[in-house]
Amino acid sequence: MKPIVVYTQVGCGPCQAEKAWLAQQGIPFEERDIHQNPEWIQELVRLGSTGTPTTVIGEGADRTVILGFHPQRLAQALELL
């Protein structure tokens, strides 16, 4: 399975919804709360995002970046459809 990183922050409703959705699907992921590590904020900016959740699926040229919580796009990127 491709590695999954979800950038989140406290008080973000869509972040909570995405984490719950991933858990329901049985999909492991790494959570990076942007307020816990300043480097994670910089990573988020380098991804072209200014908000959470931002999800990175895969690595390198094969990676997919999803801005916001979009179950359909996540399912497609994770080949669940």
Protein backbone atom coordinates (compact mmCIF):
# COMPACT_ATOMS: atom_id res chain seq x y z
CA MET A 1 0.00 0.00 0.00
CA LYS A 2 1.17 3.53 -0.78
CA PRO A 3 2.22 5.66 2.19
CA ILE A 4 -0.40 8.22 3.23
CA VAL A 5 0.29 11.45 5.11
CA VAL A 6 -2.56 13.65 6.31
CA TYR A 7 -1.73 17.21 7.40
CA THR A 8 -4.21 18.30 10.08
CA GLN A 9 -4.77 20.80 12.87
CA VAL A 10 -6.81 20.91 16.06
CA GLY A 11 -10.36 22.19 15.58
CA CYS A 12 -10.51 21.19 11.91
CA GLY A 13 -13.84 19.42 11.35
CA PRO A 14 -12.96 18.12 7.88
CA CYS A 15 -9.70 16.73 9.31
CA GLN A 16 -11.65 14.74 11.89
CA ALA A 17 -14.05 13.51 9.21
CA GLU A 18 -11.19 12.38 6.95
CA LYS A 19 -9.38 10.56 9.76
CA ALA A 20 -12.61 8.78 10.67
CA TRP A 21 -13.23 7.87 7.01
CA LEU A 22 -9.73 6.44 6.60
CA ALA A 23 -10.11 4.46 9.84
CA GLN A 24 -13.48 3.07 8.66
CA GLN A 25 -11.79 1.91 5.46
CA GLY A 26 -9.01 0.26 7.50
CA ILE A 27 -6.38 2.44 5.83
CA PRO A 28 -3.28 3.27 7.88
CA PHE A 29 -1.95 6.82 7.63
CA GLU A 30 0.51 9.19 9.26
CA GLU A 31 -1.05 12.28 10.80
CA ARG A 32 0.99 15.49 10.87
CA ASP A 33 -0.60 18.17 13.05
CA ILE A 34 0.89 21.35 11.59
CA HIS A 35 0.92 23.04 15.00
CA GLN A 36 3.15 20.31 16.47
CA ASN A 37 6.09 20.82 14.11
CA PRO A 38 7.02 24.00 12.16
CA GLU A 39 8.60 21.88 9.41
CA TRP A 40 5.22 20.33 8.66
CA ILE A 41 3.79 23.78 7.94
CA GLN A 42 6.62 24.32 5.44
CA GLU A 43 5.91 20.93 3.86
CA LEU A 44 2.26 21.94 3.49
CA VAL A 45 3.23 25.19 1.77
CA ARG A 46 5.63 23.36 -0.58
CA LEU A 47 2.71 21.13 -1.57
CA GLY A 48 0.86 24.27 -2.69
CA SER A 49 -1.65 24.09 0.14
CA THR A 50 -2.69 26.64 2.71
CA GLY A 51 -5.25 24.56 4.58
CA THR A 52 -6.08 21.27 6.19
CA PRO A 53 -6.71 18.50 5.64
CA THR A 54 -4.15 18.03 2.91
CA THR A 55 -3.46 14.43 2.02
CA VAL A 56 -0.42 13.02 0.23
CA ILE A 57 -0.76 9.53 -1.18
CA GLY A 58 2.39 7.88 -2.50
CA GLU A 59 5.83 9.37 -3.07
CA GLY A 60 7.82 11.13 -5.76
CA ALA A 61 6.37 11.45 -9.24
CA ASP A 62 3.70 8.89 -8.36
CA ARG A 63 2.22 10.91 -5.50
CA THR A 64 -1.27 12.36 -5.38
CA VAL A 65 -2.06 15.47 -3.33
CA ILE A 66 -5.65 16.07 -2.27
CA LEU A 67 -6.61 19.43 -0.76
CA GLY A 68 -9.60 19.19 1.58
CA PHE A 69 -11.70 16.16 2.49
CA HIS A 70 -13.10 14.53 -0.64
CA PRO A 71 -14.07 10.89 -0.01
CA GLN A 72 -14.64 10.16 -3.71
CA ARG A 73 -11.21 11.47 -4.72
CA LEU A 74 -9.58 9.62 -1.82
CA ALA A 75 -11.29 6.37 -2.79
CA GLN A 76 -10.18 6.81 -6.39
CA ALA A 77 -6.57 7.64 -5.45
CA LEU A 78 -6.47 4.67 -3.06
CA GLU A 79 -7.95 2.42 -5.75
CA LEU A 80 -10.95 1.53 -3.60
CA LEU A 81 -13.39 2.00 -6.48
